[in-house]
Amino acid sequence: MNQSVLIAWRSVWRQKKRTVLLASAIGFGFFVITMVGGFTGGLASSARLNFSNLFGGHIYIAGSQVSERGSEIAIIADA
């Protein structure tokens, strides 16, 4: 195993240009994933807030009670 690590280490330092390009590509990939995740999270939060502000006043409550005679009355009252 030590020999494999030594060979890999030598290969990394002999191919400096390839190593730098690979590290840059990995860093750029993490940057893009982080930015896209942040934008989509912000967009979802903003859309949720806008829809709740837009439609929040239109809440309809409906219910029914059974009268003493057994008929159903469409009314909600305090218990």
PDB file of N, CA and C in Angstrom:
ATOM      1  N   MET A   1       0.820  -1.190   0.000  1.00  0.00           N
ATOM      2  CA  MET A   1       0.000   0.000   0.000  1.00  0.00           C
ATOM      3  C   MET A   1       0.867   1.258   0.000  1.00  0.00           C
ATOM      4  N   ASN A   2       1.969   1.225   0.768  1.00  0.00           N
ATOM      5  CA  ASN A   2       2.864   2.373   0.786  1.00  0.00           C
ATOM      6  C   ASN A   2       3.410   2.693  -0.592  1.00  0.00           C
ATOM      7  N   GLN A   3       3.707   1.662  -1.365  1.00  0.00           N
ATOM      8  CA  GLN A   3       4.246   1.876  -2.697  1.00  0.00           C
ATOM      9  C   GLN A   3       3.187   2.524  -3.597  1.00  0.00           C
ATOM     10  N   SER A   4       1.930   2.132  -3.456  1.00  0.00           N
ATOM     11  CA  SER A   4       0.852   2.725  -4.259  1.00  0.00           C
ATOM     12  C   SER A   4       0.687   4.202  -3.937  1.00  0.00           C
ATOM     13  N   VAL A   5       0.743   4.542  -2.660  1.00  0.00           N
ATOM     14  CA  VAL A   5       0.614   5.944  -2.249  1.00  0.00           C
ATOM     15  C   VAL A   5       1.799   6.743  -2.770  1.00  0.00           C
ATOM     16  N   LEU A   6       2.978   6.188  -2.714  1.00  0.00           N
ATOM     17  CA  LEU A   6       4.178   6.867  -3.201  1.00  0.00           C
ATOM     18  C   LEU A   6       4.100   7.110  -4.706  1.00  0.00           C
ATOM     19  N   ILE A   7       3.625   6.120  -5.449  1.00  0.00           N
ATOM     20  CA  ILE A   7       3.474   6.280  -6.898  1.00  0.00           C
ATOM     21  C   ILE A   7       2.429   7.345  -7.216  1.00  0.00           C
ATOM     22  N   ALA A   8       1.315   7.337  -6.496  1.00  0.00           N
ATOM     23  CA  ALA A   8       0.269   8.342  -6.714  1.00  0.00           C
ATOM     24  C   ALA A   8       0.786   9.736  -6.389  1.00  0.00           C
ATOM     25  N   TRP A   9       1.523   9.864  -5.310  1.00  0.00           N
ATOM     26  CA  TRP A   9       2.061  11.164  -4.896  1.00  0.00           C
ATOM     27  C   TRP A   9       3.039  11.697  -5.945  1.00  0.00           C
ATOM     28  N   ARG A  10       3.900  10.841  -6.462  1.00  0.00           N
ATOM     29  CA  ARG A  10       4.848  11.250  -7.502  1.00  0.00           C
ATOM     30  C   ARG A  10       4.112  11.676  -8.771  1.00  0.00           C
ATOM     31  N   SER A  11       3.058  10.954  -9.111  1.00  0.00           N
ATOM     32  CA  SER A  11       2.284  11.283 -10.304  1.00  0.00           C
ATOM     33  C   SER A  11       1.610  12.646 -10.163  1.00  0.00           C
ATOM     34  N   VAL A  12       1.105  12.940  -8.978  1.00  0.00           N
ATOM     35  CA  VAL A  12       0.454  14.233  -8.746  1.00  0.00           C
ATOM     36  C   VAL A  12       1.454  15.362  -8.938  1.00  0.00           C
ATOM     37  N   TRP A  13       2.632  15.237  -8.407  1.00  0.00           N
ATOM     38  CA  TRP A  13       3.606  16.324  -8.487  1.00  0.00           C
ATOM     39  C   TRP A  13       4.318  16.390  -9.827  1.00  0.00           C
ATOM     40  N   ARG A  14       4.355  15.329 -10.594  1.00  0.00           N
ATOM     41  CA  ARG A  14       4.951  15.380 -11.931  1.00  0.00           C
ATOM     42  C   ARG A  14       4.005  16.039 -12.932  1.00  0.00           C
ATOM     43  N   GLN A  15       2.731  15.862 -12.728  1.00  0.00           N
ATOM     44  CA  GLN A  15       1.724  16.422 -13.638  1.00  0.00           C
ATOM     45  C   GLN A  15       1.069  17.638 -12.983  1.00  0.00           C
ATOM     46  N   LYS A  16       1.835  18.696 -12.751  1.00  0.00           N
ATOM     47  CA  LYS A  16       1.327  19.862 -12.015  1.00  0.00           C
ATOM     48  C   LYS A  16       0.184  20.558 -12.748  1.00  0.00           C
ATOM     49  N   LYS A  17       0.313  20.706 -14.051  1.00  0.00           N
ATOM     50  CA  LYS A  17      -0.724  21.392 -14.826  1.00  0.00           C
ATOM     51  C   LYS A  17      -2.049  20.631 -14.742  1.00  0.00           C
ATOM     52  N   ARG A  18      -1.994  19.325 -14.913  1.00  0.00           N
ATOM     53  CA  ARG A  18      -3.203  18.506 -14.826  1.00  0.00           C
ATOM     54  C   ARG A  18      -3.796  18.556 -13.423  1.00  0.00           C
ATOM     55  N   THR A  19      -2.939  18.550 -12.401  1.00  0.00           N
ATOM     56  CA  THR A  19      -3.409  18.607 -11.021  1.00  0.00           C
ATOM     57  C   THR A  19      -4.117  19.928 -10.736  1.00  0.00           C
ATOM     58  N   VAL A  20      -3.525  21.028 -11.198  1.00  0.00           N
ATOM     59  CA  VAL A  20      -4.139  22.347 -10.990  1.00  0.00           C
ATOM     60  C   VAL A  20      -5.466  22.441 -11.733  1.00  0.00           C
ATOM     61  N   LEU A  21      -5.507  21.957 -12.959  1.00  0.00           N
ATOM     62  CA  LEU A  21      -6.761  21.995 -13.725  1.00  0.00           C
ATOM     63  C   LEU A  21      -7.851  21.155 -13.066  1.00  0.00           C
ATOM     64  N   LEU A  22      -7.494  19.992 -12.575  1.00  0.00           N
ATOM     65  CA  LEU A  22      -8.467  19.136 -11.906  1.00  0.00           C
ATOM     66  C   LEU A  22      -8.973  19.775 -10.617  1.00  0.00           C
ATOM     67  N   ALA A  23      -8.060  20.334  -9.834  1.00  0.00           N
ATOM     68  CA  ALA A  23      -8.473  21.001  -8.591  1.00  0.00           C
ATOM     69  C   ALA A  23      -9.365  22.202  -8.890  1.00  0.00           C
ATOM     70  N   SER A  24      -9.044  22.943  -9.945  1.00  0.00           N
ATOM     71  CA  SER A  24      -9.875  24.089 -10.337  1.00  0.00           C
ATOM     72  C   SER A  24     -11.263  23.633 -10.784  1.00  0.00           C
ATOM     73  N   ALA A  25     -11.322  22.564 -11.543  1.00  0.00           N
ATOM     74  CA  ALA A  25     -12.614  22.051 -12.009  1.00  0.00           C
ATOM     75  C   ALA A  25     -13.463  21.571 -10.839  1.00  0.00           C
ATOM     76  N   ILE A  26     -12.858  20.904  -9.879  1.00  0.00           N
ATOM     77  CA  ILE A  26     -13.602  20.441  -8.706  1.00  0.00           C
ATOM     78  C   ILE A  26     -14.097  21.632  -7.887  1.00  0.00           C
ATOM     79  N   GLY A  27     -13.238  22.625  -7.695  1.00  0.00           N
ATOM     80  CA  GLY A  27     -13.648  23.826  -6.963  1.00  0.00           C
ATOM     81  C   GLY A  27     -14.775  24.564  -7.663  1.00  0.00           C
ATOM     82  N   PHE A  28     -14.672  24.705  -8.986  1.00  0.00           N
ATOM     83  CA  PHE A  28     -15.727  25.366  -9.742  1.00  0.00           C
ATOM     84  C   PHE A  28     -17.035  24.586  -9.663  1.00  0.00           C
ATOM     85  N   GLY A  29     -16.954  23.265  -9.684  1.00  0.00           N
ATOM     86  CA  GLY A  29     -18.157  22.439  -9.558  1.00  0.00           C
ATOM     87  C   GLY A  29     -18.845  22.636  -8.218  1.00  0.00           C
ATOM     88  N   PHE A  30     -18.063  22.657  -7.140  1.00  0.00           N
ATOM     89  CA  PHE A  30     -18.643  22.920  -5.823  1.00  0.00           C
ATOM     90  C   PHE A  30     -19.270  24.306  -5.762  1.00  0.00           C
ATOM     91  N   PHE A  31     -18.601  25.291  -6.364  1.00  0.00           N
ATOM     92  CA  PHE A  31     -19.128  26.659  -6.390  1.00  0.00           C
ATOM     93  C   PHE A  31     -20.473  26.710  -7.108  1.00  0.00           C
ATOM     94  N   VAL A  32     -20.559  26.080  -8.270  1.00  0.00           N
ATOM     95  CA  VAL A  32     -21.802  26.092  -9.049  1.00  0.00           C
ATOM     96  C   VAL A  32     -22.922  25.388  -8.292  1.00  0.00           C
ATOM     97  N   ILE A  33     -22.629  24.246  -7.702  1.00  0.00           N
ATOM     98  CA  ILE A  33     -23.659  23.514  -6.952  1.00  0.00           C
ATOM     99  C   ILE A  33     -24.141  24.324  -5.766  1.00  0.00           C
ATOM    100  N   THR A  34     -23.226  24.988  -5.079  1.00  0.00           N
ATOM    101  CA  THR A  34     -23.606  25.818  -3.935  1.00  0.00           C
ATOM    102  C   THR A  34     -24.463  27.005  -4.371  1.00  0.00           C
ATOM    103  N   MET A  35     -24.078  27.660  -5.446  1.00  0.00           N
ATOM    104  CA  MET A  35     -24.835  28.818  -5.925  1.00  0.00           C
ATOM    105  C   MET A  35     -26.231  28.414  -6.399  1.00  0.00           C
ATOM    106  N   VAL A  36     -26.319  27.329  -7.152  1.00  0.00           N
ATOM    107  CA  VAL A  36     -27.627  26.880  -7.645  1.00  0.00           C
ATOM    108  C   VAL A  36     -28.518  26.479  -6.471  1.00  0.00           C
ATOM    109  N   GLY A  37     -27.948  25.796  -5.483  1.00  0.00           N
ATOM    110  CA  GLY A  37     -28.721  25.434  -4.291  1.00  0.00           C
ATOM    111  C   GLY A  37     -29.219  26.659  -3.538  1.00  0.00           C
ATOM    112  N   GLY A  38     -28.376  27.670  -3.422  1.00  0.00           N
ATOM    113  CA  GLY A  38     -28.784  28.903  -2.752  1.00  0.00           C
ATOM    114  C   GLY A  38     -29.876  29.643  -3.508  1.00  0.00           C
ATOM    115  N   PHE A  39     -29.719  29.723  -4.832  1.00  0.00           N
ATOM    116  CA  PHE A  39     -30.732  30.404  -5.641  1.00  0.00           C
ATOM    117  C   PHE A  39     -32.069  29.694  -5.595  1.00  0.00           C
ATOM    118  N   THR A  40     -32.066  28.373  -5.698  1.00  0.00           N
ATOM    119  CA  THR A  40     -33.341  27.649  -5.682  1.00  0.00           C
ATOM    120  C   THR A  40     -33.990  27.712  -4.296  1.00  0.00           C
ATOM    121  N   GLY A  41     -33.175  27.665  -3.238  1.00  0.00           N
ATOM    122  CA  GLY A  41     -33.741  27.805  -1.890  1.00  0.00           C
ATOM    123  C   GLY A  41     -34.355  29.172  -1.679  1.00  0.00           C
ATOM    124  N   GLY A  42     -33.664  30.210  -2.139  1.00  0.00           N
ATOM    125  CA  GLY A  42     -34.198  31.566  -2.032  1.00  0.00           C
ATOM    126  C   GLY A  42     -35.443  31.757  -2.877  1.00  0.00           C
ATOM    127  N   LEU A  43     -35.454  31.167  -4.053  1.00  0.00           N
ATOM    128  CA  LEU A  43     -36.619  31.273  -4.935  1.00  0.00           C
ATOM    129  C   LEU A  43     -37.829  30.582  -4.314  1.00  0.00           C
ATOM    130  N   ALA A  44     -37.632  29.411  -3.756  1.00  0.00           N
ATOM    131  CA  ALA A  44     -38.740  28.689  -3.127  1.00  0.00           C
ATOM    132  C   ALA A  44     -39.269  29.446  -1.919  1.00  0.00           C
ATOM    133  N   SER A  45     -38.368  29.998  -1.116  1.00  0.00           N
ATOM    134  CA  SER A  45     -38.794  30.763   0.057  1.00  0.00           C
ATOM    135  C   SER A  45     -39.550  32.017  -0.356  1.00  0.00           C
ATOM    136  N   SER A  46     -39.044  32.709  -1.359  1.00  0.00           N
ATOM    137  CA  SER A  46     -39.697  33.926  -1.836  1.00  0.00           C
ATOM    138  C   SER A  46     -41.068  33.616  -2.441  1.00  0.00           C
ATOM    139  N   ALA A  47     -41.161  32.557  -3.224  1.00  0.00           N
ATOM    140  CA  ALA A  47     -42.447  32.190  -3.828  1.00  0.00           C
ATOM    141  C   ALA A  47     -43.460  31.811  -2.752  1.00  0.00           C
ATOM    142  N   ARG A  48     -43.026  31.069  -1.729  1.00  0.00           N
ATOM    143  CA  ARG A  48     -43.925  30.692  -0.642  1.00  0.00           C
ATOM    144  C   ARG A  48     -44.448  31.930   0.082  1.00  0.00           C
ATOM    145  N   LEU A  49     -43.565  32.884   0.355  1.00  0.00           N
ATOM    146  CA  LEU A  49     -43.969  34.107   1.039  1.00  0.00           C
ATOM    147  C   LEU A  49     -44.912  34.932   0.175  1.00  0.00           C
ATOM    148  N   ASN A  50     -44.605  35.055  -1.122  1.00  0.00           N
ATOM    149  CA  ASN A  50     -45.474  35.835  -2.011  1.00  0.00           C
ATOM    150  C   ASN A  50     -46.858  35.212  -2.148  1.00  0.00           C
ATOM    151  N   PHE A  51     -46.940  33.896  -2.275  1.00  0.00           N
ATOM    152  CA  PHE A  51     -48.245  33.256  -2.397  1.00  0.00           C
ATOM    153  C   PHE A  51     -49.041  33.354  -1.100  1.00  0.00           C
ATOM    154  N   SER A  52     -48.380  33.249   0.043  1.00  0.00           N
ATOM    155  CA  SER A  52     -49.113  33.355   1.299  1.00  0.00           C
ATOM    156  C   SER A  52     -49.616  34.787   1.513  1.00  0.00           C
ATOM    157  N   ASN A  53     -48.845  35.784   1.072  1.00  0.00           N
ATOM    158  CA  ASN A  53     -49.315  37.168   1.167  1.00  0.00           C
ATOM    159  C   ASN A  53     -50.434  37.446   0.170  1.00  0.00           C
ATOM    160  N   LEU A  54     -50.362  36.827  -0.992  1.00  0.00           N
ATOM    161  CA  LEU A  54     -51.350  37.069  -2.039  1.00  0.00           C
ATOM    162  C   LEU A  54     -52.698  36.417  -1.724  1.00  0.00           C
ATOM    163  N   PHE A  55     -52.679  35.182  -1.248  1.00  0.00           N
ATOM    164  CA  PHE A  55     -53.915  34.441  -1.037  1.00  0.00           C
ATOM    165  C   PHE A  55     -54.272  34.264   0.435  1.00  0.00           C
ATOM    166  N   GLY A  56     -53.556  34.890   1.338  1.00  0.00           N
ATOM    167  CA  GLY A  56     -53.784  34.683   2.765  1.00  0.00           C
ATOM    168  C   GLY A  56     -55.119  35.211   3.262  1.00  0.00           C
ATOM    169  N   GLY A  57     -55.685  36.212   2.600  1.00  0.00           N
ATOM    170  CA  GLY A  57     -56.939  36.800   3.059  1.00  0.00           C
ATOM    171  C   GLY A  57     -58.172  36.046   2.597  1.00  0.00           C
ATOM    172  N   HIS A  58     -58.025  35.040   1.793  1.00  0.00           N
ATOM    173  CA  HIS A  58     -59.167  34.334   1.228  1.00  0.00           C
ATOM    174  C   HIS A  58     -59.309  32.958   1.879  1.00  0.00           C
ATOM    175  N   ILE A  59     -59.597  32.960   3.136  1.00  0.00           N
ATOM    176  CA  ILE A  59     -59.775  31.699   3.857  1.00  0.00           C
ATOM    177  C   ILE A  59     -61.270  31.539   4.131  1.00  0.00           C
ATOM    178  N   TYR A  60     -61.824  30.434   3.705  1.00  0.00           N
ATOM    179  CA  TYR A  60     -63.235  30.169   3.903  1.00  0.00           C
ATOM    180  C   TYR A  60     -63.389  29.023   4.896  1.00  0.00           C
ATOM    181  N   ILE A  61     -64.218  29.250   5.891  1.00  0.00           N
ATOM    182  CA  ILE A  61     -64.486  28.230   6.894  1.00  0.00           C
ATOM    183  C   ILE A  61     -65.945  27.814   6.743  1.00  0.00           C
ATOM    184  N   ALA A  62     -66.162  26.538   6.615  1.00  0.00           N
ATOM    185  CA  ALA A  62     -67.514  26.026   6.466  1.00  0.00           C
ATOM    186  C   ALA A  62     -67.691  24.867   7.431  1.00  0.00           C
ATOM    187  N   GLY A  63     -68.898  24.686   7.854  1.00  0.00           N
ATOM    188  CA  GLY A  63     -69.171  23.580   8.760  1.00  0.00           C
ATOM    189  C   GLY A  63     -70.671  23.397   8.916  1.00  0.00           C
ATOM    190  N   SER A  64     -71.035  22.410   9.668  1.00  0.00           N
ATOM    191  CA  SER A  64     -72.459  22.158   9.892  1.00  0.00           C
ATOM    192  C   SER A  64     -72.647  21.642  11.309  1.00  0.00           C
ATOM    193  N   GLN A  65     -73.851  21.888  11.823  1.00  0.00           N
ATOM    194  CA  GLN A  65     -74.232  21.381  13.137  1.00  0.00           C
ATOM    195  C   GLN A  65     -75.567  20.668  12.989  1.00  0.00           C
ATOM    196  N   VAL A  66     -75.815  19.766  13.891  1.00  0.00           N
ATOM    197  CA  VAL A  66     -77.080  19.044  13.897  1.00  0.00           C
ATOM    198  C   VAL A  66     -77.992  19.728  14.913  1.00  0.00           C
ATOM    199  N   SER A  67     -79.203  20.099  14.460  1.00  0.00           N
ATOM    200  CA  SER A  67     -80.145  20.784  15.357  1.00  0.00           C
ATOM    201  C   SER A  67     -80.802  19.774  16.300  1.00  0.00           C
ATOM    202  N   GLU A  68     -81.628  20.279  17.205  1.00  0.00           N
ATOM    203  CA  GLU A  68     -82.328  19.416  18.159  1.00  0.00           C
ATOM    204  C   GLU A  68     -83.296  18.480  17.458  1.00  0.00           C
ATOM    205  N   ARG A  69     -83.808  18.873  16.319  1.00  0.00           N
ATOM    206  CA  ARG A  69     -84.747  18.043  15.572  1.00  0.00           C
ATOM    207  C   ARG A  69     -84.039  16.992  14.726  1.00  0.00           C
ATOM    208  N   GLY A  70     -82.692  17.105  14.597  1.00  0.00           N
ATOM    209  CA  GLY A  70     -81.942  16.119  13.832  1.00  0.00           C
ATOM    210  C   GLY A  70     -81.584  16.568  12.436  1.00  0.00           C
ATOM    211  N   SER A  71     -81.977  17.775  12.064  1.00  0.00           N
ATOM    212  CA  SER A  71     -81.625  18.257  10.730  1.00  0.00           C
ATOM    213  C   SER A  71     -80.252  18.946  10.775  1.00  0.00           C
ATOM    214  N   GLU A  72     -79.593  18.945   9.660  1.00  0.00           N
ATOM    215  CA  GLU A  72     -78.262  19.529   9.577  1.00  0.00           C
ATOM    216  C   GLU A  72     -78.370  21.003   9.204  1.00  0.00           C
ATOM    217  N   ILE A  73     -77.670  21.862   9.971  1.00  0.00           N
ATOM    218  CA  ILE A  73     -77.698  23.309   9.744  1.00  0.00           C
ATOM    219  C   ILE A  73     -76.271  23.736   9.367  1.00  0.00           C
ATOM    220  N   ALA A  74     -76.180  24.496   8.274  1.00  0.00           N
ATOM    221  CA  ALA A  74     -74.871  24.967   7.829  1.00  0.00           C
ATOM    222  C   ALA A  74     -74.497  26.231   8.597  1.00  0.00           C
ATOM    223  N   ILE A  75     -73.932  26.074   9.781  1.00  0.00           N
ATOM    224  CA  ILE A  75     -73.578  27.207  10.625  1.00  0.00           C
ATOM    225  C   ILE A  75     -72.443  26.768  11.565  1.00  0.00           C
ATOM    226  N   ILE A  76     -71.631  27.706  11.947  1.00  0.00           N
ATOM    227  CA  ILE A  76     -70.603  27.458  12.952  1.00  0.00           C
ATOM    228  C   ILE A  76     -70.824  28.447  14.083  1.00  0.00           C
ATOM    229  N   ALA A  77     -70.912  27.969  15.284  1.00  0.00           N
ATOM    230  CA  ALA A  77     -71.143  28.827  16.451  1.00  0.00           C
ATOM    231  C   ALA A  77     -70.230  28.394  17.579  1.00  0.00           C
ATOM    232  N   ASP A  78     -70.127  29.218  18.605  1.00  0.00           N
ATOM    233  CA  ASP A  78     -69.320  28.878  19.767  1.00  0.00           C
ATOM    234  C   ASP A  78     -69.950  27.707  20.508  1.00  0.00           C
ATOM    235  N   ALA A  79     -69.113  26.880  21.064  1.00  0.00           N
ATOM    236  CA  ALA A  79     -69.597  25.690  21.754  1.00  0.00           C
ATOM    237  C   ALA A  79     -70.117  26.017  23.133  1.00  0.00           C
TER     238      ALA A  79
END
